Amino acid sequence: LVLILDHIQDPFNFGGIIRTAVSCGVNTIIIPKIKQTLVTNSGNFIIKIPMKHVESLNVSVATAIILYEIRNK
């Protein structure tokens, strides 16, 4: 399992993502060396997390949900 991160700026979110990734069995984490351009949806895919009563999640919480779902399939 490989996790690719794109320009995570908050160190607390980054730490949370790394801890979650390790606990979910991620083998490799890829992070950019320099600031990346915007990610577009040209051939890229969108993952949607069904939610009730909230409009968004922070990146570390969203990553945890996605990794949990991948691990349990």
PDB file of N, CA and C in Angstrom:
ATOM      1  N   LEU A   1       0.852  -1.176   0.000  1.00  0.00           N
ATOM      2  CA  LEU A   1       0.000   0.000   0.000  1.00  0.00           C
ATOM      3  C   LEU A   1       0.891   1.230   0.000  1.00  0.00           C
ATOM      4  N   VAL A   2       0.651   2.128  -0.952  1.00  0.00           N
ATOM      5  CA  VAL A   2       1.449   3.341  -1.113  1.00  0.00           C
ATOM      6  C   VAL A   2       0.547   4.542  -0.897  1.00  0.00           C
ATOM      7  N   LEU A   3       1.000   5.510  -0.110  1.00  0.00           N
ATOM      8  CA  LEU A   3       0.272   6.752   0.132  1.00  0.00           C
ATOM      9  C   LEU A   3       1.066   7.891  -0.490  1.00  0.00           C
ATOM     10  N   ILE A   4       0.408   8.689  -1.334  1.00  0.00           N
ATOM     11  CA  ILE A   4       1.057   9.827  -1.961  1.00  0.00           C
ATOM     12  C   ILE A   4       0.436  11.091  -1.397  1.00  0.00           C
ATOM     13  N   LEU A   5       1.258  11.934  -0.801  1.00  0.00           N
ATOM     14  CA  LEU A   5       0.785  13.192  -0.220  1.00  0.00           C
ATOM     15  C   LEU A   5       1.219  14.347  -1.103  1.00  0.00           C
ATOM     16  N   ASP A   6       0.361  15.335  -1.238  1.00  0.00           N
ATOM     17  CA  ASP A   6       0.676  16.484  -2.074  1.00  0.00           C
ATOM     18  C   ASP A   6       0.567  17.761  -1.262  1.00  0.00           C
ATOM     19  N   HIS A   7       1.690  18.294  -0.897  1.00  0.00           N
ATOM     20  CA  HIS A   7       1.800  19.617  -0.272  1.00  0.00           C
ATOM     21  C   HIS A   7       0.943  19.768   0.989  1.00  0.00           C
ATOM     22  N   ILE A   8       1.136  18.887   1.913  1.00  0.00           N
ATOM     23  CA  ILE A   8       0.486  19.018   3.219  1.00  0.00           C
ATOM     24  C   ILE A   8       1.283  20.054   4.002  1.00  0.00           C
ATOM     25  N   GLN A   9       0.649  21.151   4.393  1.00  0.00           N
ATOM     26  CA  GLN A   9       1.377  22.265   5.007  1.00  0.00           C
ATOM     27  C   GLN A   9       1.370  22.228   6.536  1.00  0.00           C
ATOM     28  N   ASP A  10       0.342  21.688   7.134  1.00  0.00           N
ATOM     29  CA  ASP A  10       0.215  21.709   8.592  1.00  0.00           C
ATOM     30  C   ASP A  10       0.975  20.533   9.202  1.00  0.00           C
ATOM     31  N   PRO A  11       1.958  20.797  10.075  1.00  0.00           N
ATOM     32  CA  PRO A  11       2.748  19.699  10.655  1.00  0.00           C
ATOM     33  C   PRO A  11       1.921  18.757  11.527  1.00  0.00           C
ATOM     34  N   PHE A  12       0.860  19.249  12.152  1.00  0.00           N
ATOM     35  CA  PHE A  12       0.012  18.373  12.968  1.00  0.00           C
ATOM     36  C   PHE A  12      -0.777  17.418  12.081  1.00  0.00           C
ATOM     37  N   ASN A  13      -1.291  17.911  10.956  1.00  0.00           N
ATOM     38  CA  ASN A  13      -1.961  17.027  10.005  1.00  0.00           C
ATOM     39  C   ASN A  13      -0.982  16.021   9.426  1.00  0.00           C
ATOM     40  N   PHE A  14       0.215  16.469   9.081  1.00  0.00           N
ATOM     41  CA  PHE A  14       1.226  15.573   8.525  1.00  0.00           C
ATOM     42  C   PHE A  14       1.546  14.454   9.508  1.00  0.00           C
ATOM     43  N   GLY A  15       1.762  14.798  10.764  1.00  0.00           N
ATOM     44  CA  GLY A  15       2.045  13.789  11.787  1.00  0.00           C
ATOM     45  C   GLY A  15       0.893  12.815  11.969  1.00  0.00           C
ATOM     46  N   GLY A  16      -0.328  13.340  11.965  1.00  0.00           N
ATOM     47  CA  GLY A  16      -1.502  12.483  12.089  1.00  0.00           C
ATOM     48  C   GLY A  16      -1.631  11.516  10.927  1.00  0.00           C
ATOM     49  N   ILE A  17      -1.348  12.018   9.728  1.00  0.00           N
ATOM     50  CA  ILE A  17      -1.410  11.162   8.546  1.00  0.00           C
ATOM     51  C   ILE A  17      -0.358  10.061   8.625  1.00  0.00           C
ATOM     52  N   ILE A  18       0.862  10.407   9.019  1.00  0.00           N
ATOM     53  CA  ILE A  18       1.936   9.408   9.115  1.00  0.00           C
ATOM     54  C   ILE A  18       1.588   8.333  10.140  1.00  0.00           C
ATOM     55  N   ARG A  19       1.096   8.733  11.303  1.00  0.00           N
ATOM     56  CA  ARG A  19       0.732   7.751  12.337  1.00  0.00           C
ATOM     57  C   ARG A  19      -0.398   6.844  11.854  1.00  0.00           C
ATOM     58  N   THR A  20      -1.396   7.431  11.211  1.00  0.00           N
ATOM     59  CA  THR A  20      -2.503   6.629  10.684  1.00  0.00           C
ATOM     60  C   THR A  20      -2.015   5.672   9.608  1.00  0.00           C
ATOM     61  N   ALA A  21      -1.164   6.156   8.719  1.00  0.00           N
ATOM     62  CA  ALA A  21      -0.636   5.326   7.637  1.00  0.00           C
ATOM     63  C   ALA A  21       0.112   4.118   8.195  1.00  0.00           C
ATOM     64  N   VAL A  22       0.953   4.344   9.173  1.00  0.00           N
ATOM     65  CA  VAL A  22       1.718   3.246   9.782  1.00  0.00           C
ATOM     66  C   VAL A  22       0.773   2.233  10.426  1.00  0.00           C
ATOM     67  N   SER A  23      -0.242   2.725  11.125  1.00  0.00           N
ATOM     68  CA  SER A  23      -1.160   1.798  11.797  1.00  0.00           C
ATOM     69  C   SER A  23      -2.027   1.020  10.812  1.00  0.00           C
ATOM     70  N   CYS A  24      -2.189   1.542   9.595  1.00  0.00           N
ATOM     71  CA  CYS A  24      -2.995   0.861   8.568  1.00  0.00           C
ATOM     72  C   CYS A  24      -2.152   0.028   7.615  1.00  0.00           C
ATOM     73  N   GLY A  25      -0.858  -0.067   7.860  1.00  0.00           N
ATOM     74  CA  GLY A  25      -0.015  -0.939   7.058  1.00  0.00           C
ATOM     75  C   GLY A  25       0.499  -0.340   5.765  1.00  0.00           C
ATOM     76  N   VAL A  26       0.549   0.985   5.671  1.00  0.00           N
ATOM     77  CA  VAL A  26       1.105   1.615   4.477  1.00  0.00           C
ATOM     78  C   VAL A  26       2.592   1.286   4.410  1.00  0.00           C
ATOM     79  N   ASN A  27       3.051   0.821   3.247  1.00  0.00           N
ATOM     80  CA  ASN A  27       4.450   0.434   3.077  1.00  0.00           C
ATOM     81  C   ASN A  27       5.338   1.599   2.662  1.00  0.00           C
ATOM     82  N   THR A  28       4.772   2.518   1.894  1.00  0.00           N
ATOM     83  CA  THR A  28       5.549   3.617   1.332  1.00  0.00           C
ATOM     84  C   THR A  28       4.726   4.895   1.382  1.00  0.00           C
ATOM     85  N   ILE A  29       5.361   5.990   1.777  1.00  0.00           N
ATOM     86  CA  ILE A  29       4.723   7.308   1.752  1.00  0.00           C
ATOM     87  C   ILE A  29       5.570   8.200   0.856  1.00  0.00           C
ATOM     88  N   ILE A  30       4.944   8.755  -0.170  1.00  0.00           N
ATOM     89  CA  ILE A  30       5.649   9.616  -1.108  1.00  0.00           C
ATOM     90  C   ILE A  30       5.241  11.056  -0.848  1.00  0.00           C
ATOM     91  N   ILE A  31       6.242  11.915  -0.631  1.00  0.00           N
ATOM     92  CA  ILE A  31       5.983  13.333  -0.417  1.00  0.00           C
ATOM     93  C   ILE A  31       6.879  14.137  -1.356  1.00  0.00           C
ATOM     94  N   PRO A  32       6.403  15.281  -1.842  1.00  0.00           N
ATOM     95  CA  PRO A  32       7.212  16.073  -2.772  1.00  0.00           C
ATOM     96  C   PRO A  32       8.360  16.766  -2.043  1.00  0.00           C
ATOM     97  N   LYS A  33       9.467  16.956  -2.757  1.00  0.00           N
ATOM     98  CA  LYS A  33      10.597  17.694  -2.190  1.00  0.00           C
ATOM     99  C   LYS A  33      10.341  19.199  -2.223  1.00  0.00           C
ATOM    100  N   ILE A  34       9.625  19.640  -3.215  1.00  0.00           N
ATOM    101  CA  ILE A  34       9.360  21.065  -3.360  1.00  0.00           C
ATOM    102  C   ILE A  34       7.865  21.285  -3.548  1.00  0.00           C
ATOM    103  N   LYS A  35       7.471  22.537  -3.444  1.00  0.00           N
ATOM    104  CA  LYS A  35       6.065  22.880  -3.622  1.00  0.00           C
ATOM    105  C   LYS A  35       5.598  22.466  -5.014  1.00  0.00           C
ATOM    106  N   GLN A  36       4.485  21.764  -5.058  1.00  0.00           N
ATOM    107  CA  GLN A  36       3.966  21.235  -6.312  1.00  0.00           C
ATOM    108  C   GLN A  36       2.914  22.170  -6.899  1.00  0.00           C
ATOM    109  N   THR A  37       2.674  22.041  -8.187  1.00  0.00           N
ATOM    110  CA  THR A  37       1.593  22.787  -8.817  1.00  0.00           C
ATOM    111  C   THR A  37       0.269  22.165  -8.420  1.00  0.00           C
ATOM    112  N   LEU A  38      -0.797  22.813  -8.787  1.00  0.00           N
ATOM    113  CA  LEU A  38      -2.115  22.296  -8.452  1.00  0.00           C
ATOM    114  C   LEU A  38      -2.352  20.951  -9.112  1.00  0.00           C
ATOM    115  N   VAL A  39      -3.000  20.073  -8.398  1.00  0.00           N
ATOM    116  CA  VAL A  39      -3.354  18.767  -8.929  1.00  0.00           C
ATOM    117  C   VAL A  39      -4.638  18.935  -9.722  1.00  0.00           C
ATOM    118  N   THR A  40      -4.645  18.435 -10.941  1.00  0.00           N
ATOM    119  CA  THR A  40      -5.848  18.529 -11.764  1.00  0.00           C
ATOM    120  C   THR A  40      -6.499  17.169 -11.872  1.00  0.00           C
ATOM    121  N   ASN A  41      -7.666  17.146 -12.428  1.00  0.00           N
ATOM    122  CA  ASN A  41      -8.409  15.902 -12.574  1.00  0.00           C
ATOM    123  C   ASN A  41      -8.318  15.380 -14.006  1.00  0.00           C
ATOM    124  N   SER A  42      -7.136  15.423 -14.569  1.00  0.00           N
ATOM    125  CA  SER A  42      -6.978  14.926 -15.936  1.00  0.00           C
ATOM    126  C   SER A  42      -6.499  13.484 -15.886  1.00  0.00           C
ATOM    127  N   GLY A  43      -7.357  12.583 -15.879  1.00  0.00           N
ATOM    128  CA  GLY A  43      -7.028  11.177 -15.872  1.00  0.00           C
ATOM    129  C   GLY A  43      -6.925  10.599 -14.513  1.00  0.00           C
ATOM    130  N   ASN A  44      -6.635  11.776 -13.241  1.00  0.00           N
ATOM    131  CA  ASN A  44      -6.591  11.586 -11.792  1.00  0.00           C
ATOM    132  C   ASN A  44      -7.921  11.111 -11.325  1.00  0.00           C
ATOM    133  N   PHE A  45      -8.412  10.536 -10.206  1.00  0.00           N
ATOM    134  CA  PHE A  45      -9.752  10.140  -9.794  1.00  0.00           C
ATOM    135  C   PHE A  45     -10.092  10.885  -8.519  1.00  0.00           C
ATOM    136  N   ILE A  46     -11.443  10.959  -8.160  1.00  0.00           N
ATOM    137  CA  ILE A  46     -11.919  11.679  -6.983  1.00  0.00           C
ATOM    138  C   ILE A  46     -12.537  10.670  -6.029  1.00  0.00           C
ATOM    139  N   ILE A  47     -12.134  10.758  -4.797  1.00  0.00           N
ATOM    140  CA  ILE A  47     -12.717   9.910  -3.760  1.00  0.00           C
ATOM    141  C   ILE A  47     -13.642  10.784  -2.926  1.00  0.00           C
ATOM    142  N   LYS A  48     -14.852  10.329  -2.772  1.00  0.00           N
ATOM    143  CA  LYS A  48     -15.817  11.075  -1.968  1.00  0.00           C
ATOM    144  C   LYS A  48     -16.151  10.287  -0.712  1.00  0.00           C
ATOM    145  N   ILE A  49     -16.181  10.979   0.399  1.00  0.00           N
ATOM    146  CA  ILE A  49     -16.548  10.381   1.675  1.00  0.00           C
ATOM    147  C   ILE A  49     -17.962  10.851   1.997  1.00  0.00           C
ATOM    148  N   PRO A  50     -18.928   9.938   2.045  1.00  0.00           N
ATOM    149  CA  PRO A  50     -20.290  10.356   2.379  1.00  0.00           C
ATOM    150  C   PRO A  50     -20.327  10.928   3.803  1.00  0.00           C
ATOM    151  N   MET A  51     -20.921  12.100   3.939  1.00  0.00           N
ATOM    152  CA  MET A  51     -20.966  12.748   5.257  1.00  0.00           C
ATOM    153  C   MET A  51     -22.364  13.293   5.529  1.00  0.00           C
ATOM    154  N   LYS A  52     -22.689  13.363   6.790  1.00  0.00           N
ATOM    155  CA  LYS A  52     -23.936  13.973   7.235  1.00  0.00           C
ATOM    156  C   LYS A  52     -23.594  15.090   8.209  1.00  0.00           C
ATOM    157  N   HIS A  53     -24.247  16.195   8.074  1.00  0.00           N
ATOM    158  CA  HIS A  53     -24.179  17.315   9.006  1.00  0.00           C
ATOM    159  C   HIS A  53     -22.874  18.100   8.991  1.00  0.00           C
ATOM    160  N   VAL A  54     -21.911  17.748   8.149  1.00  0.00           N
ATOM    161  CA  VAL A  54     -20.685  18.534   7.998  1.00  0.00           C
ATOM    162  C   VAL A  54     -20.356  18.650   6.512  1.00  0.00           C
ATOM    163  N   GLU A  55     -19.650  19.713   6.149  1.00  0.00           N
ATOM    164  CA  GLU A  55     -19.319  19.918   4.743  1.00  0.00           C
ATOM    165  C   GLU A  55     -17.915  19.468   4.383  1.00  0.00           C
ATOM    166  N   SER A  56     -17.011  19.413   5.365  1.00  0.00           N
ATOM    167  CA  SER A  56     -15.642  19.032   5.043  1.00  0.00           C
ATOM    168  C   SER A  56     -14.948  18.443   6.262  1.00  0.00           C
ATOM    169  N   LEU A  57     -13.835  17.775   6.005  1.00  0.00           N
ATOM    170  CA  LEU A  57     -12.979  17.202   7.045  1.00  0.00           C
ATOM    171  C   LEU A  57     -11.566  17.722   6.827  1.00  0.00           C
ATOM    172  N   ASN A  58     -10.753  17.747   7.886  1.00  0.00           N
ATOM    173  CA  ASN A  58      -9.360  18.110   7.631  1.00  0.00           C
ATOM    174  C   ASN A  58      -8.654  16.918   7.004  1.00  0.00           C
ATOM    175  N   VAL A  59      -7.507  17.180   6.428  1.00  0.00           N
ATOM    176  CA  VAL A  59      -6.834  16.174   5.599  1.00  0.00           C
ATOM    177  C   VAL A  59      -6.430  14.931   6.390  1.00  0.00           C
ATOM    178  N   SER A  60      -6.043  15.080   7.648  1.00  0.00           N
ATOM    179  CA  SER A  60      -5.630  13.887   8.399  1.00  0.00           C
ATOM    180  C   SER A  60      -6.822  12.998   8.735  1.00  0.00           C
ATOM    181  N   VAL A  61      -7.972  13.577   9.013  1.00  0.00           N
ATOM    182  CA  VAL A  61      -9.173  12.785   9.294  1.00  0.00           C
ATOM    183  C   VAL A  61      -9.650  12.088   8.018  1.00  0.00           C
ATOM    184  N   ALA A  62      -9.668  12.811   6.910  1.00  0.00           N
ATOM    185  CA  ALA A  62     -10.078  12.214   5.638  1.00  0.00           C
ATOM    186  C   ALA A  62      -9.156  11.064   5.245  1.00  0.00           C
ATOM    187  N   THR A  63      -7.851  11.238   5.439  1.00  0.00           N
ATOM    188  CA  THR A  63      -6.891  10.178   5.133  1.00  0.00           C
ATOM    189  C   THR A  63      -7.141   8.951   6.005  1.00  0.00           C
ATOM    190  N   ALA A  64      -7.409   9.169   7.277  1.00  0.00           N
ATOM    191  CA  ALA A  64      -7.680   8.053   8.184  1.00  0.00           C
ATOM    192  C   ALA A  64      -8.900   7.255   7.732  1.00  0.00           C
ATOM    193  N   ILE A  65      -9.954   7.942   7.325  1.00  0.00           N
ATOM    194  CA  ILE A  65     -11.159   7.256   6.866  1.00  0.00           C
ATOM    195  C   ILE A  65     -10.869   6.432   5.612  1.00  0.00           C
ATOM    196  N   ILE A  66     -10.168   7.021   4.664  1.00  0.00           N
ATOM    197  CA  ILE A  66      -9.863   6.332   3.417  1.00  0.00           C
ATOM    198  C   ILE A  66      -8.971   5.113   3.658  1.00  0.00           C
ATOM    199  N   LEU A  67      -7.917   5.276   4.473  1.00  0.00           N
ATOM    200  CA  LEU A  67      -7.029   4.145   4.757  1.00  0.00           C
ATOM    201  C   LEU A  67      -7.749   3.033   5.506  1.00  0.00           C
ATOM    202  N   TYR A  68      -8.637   3.399   6.410  1.00  0.00           N
ATOM    203  CA  TYR A  68      -9.422   2.408   7.126  1.00  0.00           C
ATOM    204  C   TYR A  68     -10.269   1.589   6.147  1.00  0.00           C
ATOM    205  N   GLU A  69     -10.911   2.277   5.208  1.00  0.00           N
ATOM    206  CA  GLU A  69     -11.739   1.589   4.220  1.00  0.00           C
ATOM    207  C   GLU A  69     -10.890   0.674   3.322  1.00  0.00           C
ATOM    208  N   ILE A  70      -9.731   1.145   2.895  1.00  0.00           N
ATOM    209  CA  ILE A  70      -8.845   0.324   2.051  1.00  0.00           C
ATOM    210  C   ILE A  70      -8.377  -0.907   2.819  1.00  0.00           C
ATOM    211  N   ARG A  71      -7.988  -0.711   4.050  1.00  0.00           N
ATOM    212  CA  ARG A  71      -7.468  -1.825   4.866  1.00  0.00           C
ATOM    213  C   ARG A  71      -8.519  -2.890   5.119  1.00  0.00           C
ATOM    214  N   ASN A  72      -9.762  -2.496   5.229  1.00  0.00           N
ATOM    215  CA  ASN A  72     -10.828  -3.447   5.570  1.00  0.00           C
ATOM    216  C   ASN A  72     -11.546  -4.018   4.360  1.00  0.00           C
ATOM    217  N   LYS A  73     -10.982  -3.872   3.178  1.00  0.00           N
ATOM    218  CA  LYS A  73     -11.596  -4.474   1.977  1.00  0.00           C
ATOM    219  C   LYS A  73     -10.877  -5.746   1.602  1.00  0.00           C
TER     220      LYS A  73
END
